[in-house]
PDB file of N, CA and C in Angstrom:
ATOM      1  N   MET A   1       0.823  -0.979  -0.221  1.00  0.00           N
ATOM      2  CA  MET A   1      -0.137  -0.001   0.018  1.00  0.00           C
ATOM      3  C   MET A   1       0.609   0.706   0.007  1.00  0.00           C
ATOM      4  N   LEU A   2       0.502   2.040  -0.968  1.00  0.00           N
ATOM      5  CA  LEU A   2       1.215   3.692  -0.838  1.00  0.00           C
ATOM      6  C   LEU A   2       0.605   4.858  -0.454  1.00  0.00           C
ATOM      7  N   MET A   3       1.555   5.477   0.517  1.00  0.00           N
ATOM      8  CA  MET A   3       1.267   5.971   1.448  1.00  0.00           C
ATOM      9  C   MET A   3       1.662   7.392   1.065  1.00  0.00           C
ATOM     10  N   ASN A   4       0.589   8.203   0.849  1.00  0.00           N
ATOM     11  CA  ASN A   4       0.630   9.920   1.147  1.00  0.00           C
ATOM     12  C   ASN A   4       2.031  10.638   2.198  1.00  0.00           C
ATOM     13  N   ASN A   5       2.747  11.038   1.574  1.00  0.00           N
ATOM     14  CA  ASN A   5       3.517  11.393   2.940  1.00  0.00           C
ATOM     15  C   ASN A   5       3.293  12.757   2.817  1.00  0.00           C
ATOM     16  N   SER A   6       2.518  13.530   2.391  1.00  0.00           N
ATOM     17  CA  SER A   6       2.369  14.950   2.313  1.00  0.00           C
ATOM     18  C   SER A   6       1.190  15.270   3.006  1.00  0.00           C
ATOM     19  N   ILE A   7       1.534  16.239   4.068  1.00  0.00           N
ATOM     20  CA  ILE A   7       0.525  16.340   5.170  1.00  0.00           C
ATOM     21  C   ILE A   7       0.194  17.771   5.383  1.00  0.00           C
ATOM     22  N   LYS A   8      -1.502  18.291   4.601  1.00  0.00           N
ATOM     23  CA  LYS A   8      -1.610  19.675   4.556  1.00  0.00           C
ATOM     24  C   LYS A   8      -1.876  19.871   6.333  1.00  0.00           C
ATOM     25  N   ARG A   9      -1.938  21.406   7.333  1.00  0.00           N
ATOM     26  CA  ARG A   9      -1.613  21.736   8.332  1.00  0.00           C
ATOM     27  C   ARG A   9      -2.455  22.990   8.033  1.00  0.00           C
ATOM     28  N   ASP A  10      -3.551  21.802   8.096  1.00  0.00           N
ATOM     29  CA  ASP A  10      -4.934  23.120   8.126  1.00  0.00           C
ATOM     30  C   ASP A  10      -5.775  23.204   9.420  1.00  0.00           C
ATOM     31  N   LEU A  11      -5.618  22.775  10.264  1.00  0.00           N
ATOM     32  CA  LEU A  11      -6.716  22.268  11.486  1.00  0.00           C
ATOM     33  C   LEU A  11      -5.650  22.365  13.041  1.00  0.00           C
ATOM     34  N   PHE A  12      -6.327  22.794  13.664  1.00  0.00           N
ATOM     35  CA  PHE A  12      -5.667  23.748  14.736  1.00  0.00           C
ATOM     36  C   PHE A  12      -6.235  22.376  15.790  1.00  0.00           C
ATOM     37  N   ASP A  13      -5.330  21.702  16.938  1.00  0.00           N
ATOM     38  CA  ASP A  13      -4.921  20.564  17.137  1.00  0.00           C
ATOM     39  C   ASP A  13      -6.591  20.683  18.388  1.00  0.00           C
ATOM     40  N   PHE A  14      -7.059  22.115  18.563  1.00  0.00           N
ATOM     41  CA  PHE A  14      -8.405  21.579  19.200  1.00  0.00           C
ATOM     42  C   PHE A  14      -9.525  21.047  18.370  1.00  0.00           C
ATOM     43  N   GLU A  15      -9.284  21.443  17.497  1.00  0.00           N
ATOM     44  CA  GLU A  15     -10.126  20.701  16.363  1.00  0.00           C
ATOM     45  C   GLU A  15     -10.328  19.375  16.056  1.00  0.00           C
ATOM     46  N   ILE A  16      -9.582  19.275  15.878  1.00  0.00           N
ATOM     47  CA  ILE A  16      -8.844  17.404  15.287  1.00  0.00           C
ATOM     48  C   ILE A  16      -9.561  16.927  16.526  1.00  0.00           C
ATOM     49  N   GLY A  17      -9.184  17.051  17.646  1.00  0.00           N
ATOM     50  CA  GLY A  17     -10.086  16.235  19.199  1.00  0.00           C
ATOM     51  C   GLY A  17      -8.512  15.669  19.715  1.00  0.00           C
ATOM     52  N   TYR A  18      -9.059  14.790  20.407  1.00  0.00           N
ATOM     53  CA  TYR A  18      -8.669  13.454  21.208  1.00  0.00           C
ATOM     54  C   TYR A  18      -8.694  12.473  21.584  1.00  0.00           C
ATOM     55  N   LEU A  19      -7.703  11.352  21.829  1.00  0.00           N
ATOM     56  CA  LEU A  19      -7.824  10.052  21.610  1.00  0.00           C
ATOM     57  C   LEU A  19      -8.889   9.925  23.008  1.00  0.00           C
ATOM     58  N   VAL A  20      -9.531   9.374  23.374  1.00  0.00           N
ATOM     59  CA  VAL A  20     -10.079   8.897  24.712  1.00  0.00           C
ATOM     60  C   VAL A  20     -10.384   7.868  24.944  1.00  0.00           C
ATOM     61  N   LYS A  21      -9.679   7.102  23.756  1.00  0.00           N
ATOM     62  CA  LYS A  21      -9.400   5.313  24.401  1.00  0.00           C
ATOM     63  C   LYS A  21      -8.523   4.805  22.899  1.00  0.00           C
ATOM     64  N   SER A  22      -7.684   3.861  23.207  1.00  0.00           N
ATOM     65  CA  SER A  22      -6.318   3.199  22.347  1.00  0.00           C
ATOM     66  C   SER A  22      -7.723   3.203  21.669  1.00  0.00           C
ATOM     67  N   PRO A  23      -7.225   2.713  20.342  1.00  0.00           N
ATOM     68  CA  PRO A  23      -7.759   1.923  19.739  1.00  0.00           C
ATOM     69  C   PRO A  23      -7.159   0.132  19.325  1.00  0.00           C
ATOM     70  N   CYS A  24      -6.186  -0.005  20.472  1.00  0.00           N
ATOM     71  CA  CYS A  24      -5.750  -1.272  20.176  1.00  0.00           C
ATOM     72  C   CYS A  24      -6.144  -2.500  21.602  1.00  0.00           C
ATOM     73  N   LEU A  25      -7.290  -1.475  22.447  1.00  0.00           N
ATOM     74  CA  LEU A  25      -7.756  -1.835  23.573  1.00  0.00           C
ATOM     75  C   LEU A  25      -9.060  -3.171  22.897  1.00  0.00           C
ATOM     76  N   ASN A  26      -9.090  -2.924  21.879  1.00  0.00           N
ATOM     77  CA  ASN A  26      -9.993  -3.651  21.284  1.00  0.00           C
ATOM     78  C   ASN A  26     -10.151  -4.657  20.331  1.00  0.00           C
ATOM     79  N   CYS A  27      -8.805  -4.775  19.356  1.00  0.00           N
ATOM     80  CA  CYS A  27      -8.331  -4.668  18.182  1.00  0.00           C
ATOM     81  C   CYS A  27      -7.874  -6.280  18.405  1.00  0.00           C
ATOM     82  N   GLU A  28      -8.968  -6.876  17.543  1.00  0.00           N
ATOM     83  CA  GLU A  28      -8.695  -8.470  17.596  1.00  0.00           C
ATOM     84  C   GLU A  28      -6.936  -8.878  17.420  1.00  0.00           C
ATOM     85  N   ASP A  29      -5.940  -8.036  17.048  1.00  0.00           N
ATOM     86  CA  ASP A  29      -4.597  -8.306  16.675  1.00  0.00           C
ATOM     87  C   ASP A  29      -3.818  -7.675  17.954  1.00  0.00           C
ATOM     88  N   LYS A  30      -4.458  -7.445  19.439  1.00  0.00           N
ATOM     89  CA  LYS A  30      -4.015  -6.970  20.031  1.00  0.00           C
ATOM     90  C   LYS A  30      -2.913  -7.880  21.269  1.00  0.00           C
ATOM     91  N   ASN A  31      -2.649  -9.308  20.884  1.00  0.00           N
ATOM     92  CA  ASN A  31      -1.580  -9.907  21.432  1.00  0.00           C
ATOM     93  C   ASN A  31      -0.828 -10.050  20.568  1.00  0.00           C
ATOM     94  N   ASP A  32      -0.944  -9.585  19.296  1.00  0.00           N
ATOM     95  CA  ASP A  32       0.777  -9.540  18.818  1.00  0.00           C
ATOM     96  C   ASP A  32       1.578  -7.860  19.030  1.00  0.00           C
ATOM     97  N   LEU A  33       0.618  -7.108  20.020  1.00  0.00           N
ATOM     98  CA  LEU A  33       1.292  -6.058  20.335  1.00  0.00           C
ATOM     99  C   LEU A  33       3.078  -5.731  20.771  1.00  0.00           C
ATOM    100  N   PRO A  34       3.476  -5.185  20.001  1.00  0.00           N
ATOM    101  CA  PRO A  34       3.926  -3.844  19.785  1.00  0.00           C
ATOM    102  C   PRO A  34       4.621  -4.385  18.237  1.00  0.00           C
ATOM    103  N   LYS A  35       4.290  -5.656  17.981  1.00  0.00           N
ATOM    104  CA  LYS A  35       4.651  -5.912  16.210  1.00  0.00           C
ATOM    105  C   LYS A  35       3.617  -5.811  15.427  1.00  0.00           C
ATOM    106  N   CYS A  36       2.648  -5.867  15.532  1.00  0.00           N
ATOM    107  CA  CYS A  36       1.580  -4.858  14.462  1.00  0.00           C
ATOM    108  C   CYS A  36       1.192  -3.246  14.141  1.00  0.00           C
ATOM    109  N   HIS A  37       1.697  -2.844  15.498  1.00  0.00           N
ATOM    110  CA  HIS A  37       1.762  -0.973  14.902  1.00  0.00           C
ATOM    111  C   HIS A  37       2.089  -0.574  13.660  1.00  0.00           C
ATOM    112  N   ALA A  38       2.647  -1.298  12.435  1.00  0.00           N
ATOM    113  CA  ALA A  38       3.498  -0.808  11.695  1.00  0.00           C
ATOM    114  C   ALA A  38       2.734  -0.582  10.757  1.00  0.00           C
ATOM    115  N   GLN A  39       2.213  -2.563  10.511  1.00  0.00           N
ATOM    116  CA  GLN A  39       1.086  -2.350   9.317  1.00  0.00           C
ATOM    117  C   GLN A  39      -0.560  -1.926  10.103  1.00  0.00           C
ATOM    118  N   CYS A  40      -0.221  -1.624  11.325  1.00  0.00           N
ATOM    119  CA  CYS A  40      -2.077  -1.151  11.785  1.00  0.00           C
ATOM    120  C   CYS A  40      -2.375   0.215  10.702  1.00  0.00           C
ATOM    121  N   VAL A  41      -3.864  -0.104   9.906  1.00  0.00           N
ATOM    122  CA  VAL A  41      -3.880   1.052   9.047  1.00  0.00           C
ATOM    123  C   VAL A  41      -4.894   2.333  10.214  1.00  0.00           C
ATOM    124  N   VAL A  42      -5.571   1.720  10.879  1.00  0.00           N
ATOM    125  CA  VAL A  42      -5.889   2.496  12.149  1.00  0.00           C
ATOM    126  C   VAL A  42      -5.307   3.418  12.889  1.00  0.00           C
ATOM    127  N   LEU A  43      -4.113   2.785  13.348  1.00  0.00           N
ATOM    128  CA  LEU A  43      -3.119   4.666  13.415  1.00  0.00           C
ATOM    129  C   LEU A  43      -2.156   5.068  12.780  1.00  0.00           C
ATOM    130  N   ASP A  44      -2.333   4.495  11.367  1.00  0.00           N
ATOM    131  CA  ASP A  44      -1.777   5.199  10.282  1.00  0.00           C
ATOM    132  C   ASP A  44      -2.511   5.920  10.243  1.00  0.00           C
ATOM    133  N   LYS A  45      -3.856   5.991  10.114  1.00  0.00           N
ATOM    134  CA  LYS A  45      -5.339   7.339   9.549  1.00  0.00           C
ATOM    135  C   LYS A  45      -5.080   8.410  11.267  1.00  0.00           C
ATOM    136  N   ILE A  46      -4.856   7.443  12.415  1.00  0.00           N
ATOM    137  CA  ILE A  46      -5.023   8.779  13.639  1.00  0.00           C
ATOM    138  C   ILE A  46      -3.534   9.130  14.005  1.00  0.00           C
ATOM    139  N   GLN A  47      -2.143   8.862  13.077  1.00  0.00           N
ATOM    140  CA  GLN A  47      -1.372   9.465  13.079  1.00  0.00           C
ATOM    141  C   GLN A  47      -1.399  10.449  12.300  1.00  0.00           C
ATOM    142  N   THR A  48      -2.331  10.010  11.003  1.00  0.00           N
ATOM    143  CA  THR A  48      -1.890  11.286   9.749  1.00  0.00           C
ATOM    144  C   THR A  48      -3.024  12.438   9.747  1.00  0.00           C
ATOM    145  N   THR A  49      -4.168  12.075  10.442  1.00  0.00           N
ATOM    146  CA  THR A  49      -4.969  12.812  11.489  1.00  0.00           C
ATOM    147  C   THR A  49      -4.218  13.878  12.160  1.00  0.00           C
ATOM    148  N   LEU A  50      -3.356  13.247  13.385  1.00  0.00           N
ATOM    149  CA  LEU A  50      -2.803  13.992  14.361  1.00  0.00           C
ATOM    150  C   LEU A  50      -1.850  14.785  13.385  1.00  0.00           C
ATOM    151  N   ALA A  51      -1.296  14.514  13.238  1.00  0.00           N
ATOM    152  CA  ALA A  51      -0.446  15.365  12.366  1.00  0.00           C
ATOM    153  C   ALA A  51      -0.363  16.351  10.933  1.00  0.00           C
ATOM    154  N   ARG A  52      -1.959  16.566  10.865  1.00  0.00           N
ATOM    155  CA  ARG A  52      -2.272  17.677  10.737  1.00  0.00           C
ATOM    156  C   ARG A  52      -2.145  18.691  11.544  1.00  0.00           C
ATOM    157  N   GLY A  53      -2.083  18.410  12.760  1.00  0.00           N
ATOM    158  CA  GLY A  53      -2.866  19.846  13.462  1.00  0.00           C
ATOM    159  C   GLY A  53      -2.166  20.174  13.877  1.00  0.00           C
ATOM    160  N   ILE A  54      -2.050  21.698  14.019  1.00  0.00           N
ATOM    161  CA  ILE A  54      -1.165  22.960  14.732  1.00  0.00           C
ATOM    162  C   ILE A  54      -1.543  23.334  15.790  1.00  0.00           C
ATOM    163  N   SER A  55      -0.204  22.852  16.816  1.00  0.00           N
ATOM    164  CA  SER A  55      -0.504  23.163  18.010  1.00  0.00           C
ATOM    165  C   SER A  55      -1.428  24.435  18.440  1.00  0.00           C
ATOM    166  N   SER A  56      -2.033  24.007  19.042  1.00  0.00           N
ATOM    167  CA  SER A  56      -2.464  25.557  19.667  1.00  0.00           C
ATOM    168  C   SER A  56      -1.785  26.070  21.250  1.00  0.00           C
ATOM    169  N   GLN A  57      -1.075  25.673  21.406  1.00  0.00           N
ATOM    170  CA  GLN A  57      -0.064  26.068  22.638  1.00  0.00           C
ATOM    171  C   GLN A  57       0.928  26.660  22.297  1.00  0.00           C
ATOM    172  N   ALA A  58       1.461  27.268  23.205  1.00  0.00           N
ATOM    173  CA  ALA A  58       2.992  28.261  23.408  1.00  0.00           C
ATOM    174  C   ALA A  58       4.114  27.202  22.967  1.00  0.00           C
ATOM    175  N   THR A  59       5.000  27.547  22.347  1.00  0.00           N
ATOM    176  CA  THR A  59       5.965  26.688  21.600  1.00  0.00           C
ATOM    177  C   THR A  59       7.515  27.028  22.907  1.00  0.00           C
ATOM    178  N   SER A  60       6.844  29.076  22.827  1.00  0.00           N
ATOM    179  CA  SER A  60       8.636  29.341  23.389  1.00  0.00           C
ATOM    180  C   SER A  60       8.947  29.011  24.186  1.00  0.00           C
ATOM    181  N   TYR A  61       9.879  28.946  24.838  1.00  0.00           N
ATOM    182  CA  TYR A  61      10.393  28.622  25.975  1.00  0.00           C
ATOM    183  C   TYR A  61      12.071  29.487  26.750  1.00  0.00           C
ATOM    184  N   GLU A  62      12.037  29.775  28.215  1.00  0.00           N
ATOM    185  CA  GLU A  62      12.963  30.914  27.995  1.00  0.00           C
ATOM    186  C   GLU A  62      14.090  30.428  28.247  1.00  0.00           C
ATOM    187  N   ASN A  63      15.122  30.693  28.030  1.00  0.00           N
ATOM    188  CA  ASN A  63      16.902  29.971  28.407  1.00  0.00           C
ATOM    189  C   ASN A  63      16.916  30.214  29.858  1.00  0.00           C
TER     190      ASN A  63
END
């Protein structure tokens, strides 16, 4: 399967939402963790969606 590696950052993290429960908890392949994560379509979709987000938190730190 070919993945599109370009991410369009057009949503703030509060628009995307957050996970309330790991999708791995009810997965039929959870006994194969962590080996199964590389081929997991569900985790790939979640990571892609989260990668679209722009952080709404301040990122500057004082030295």
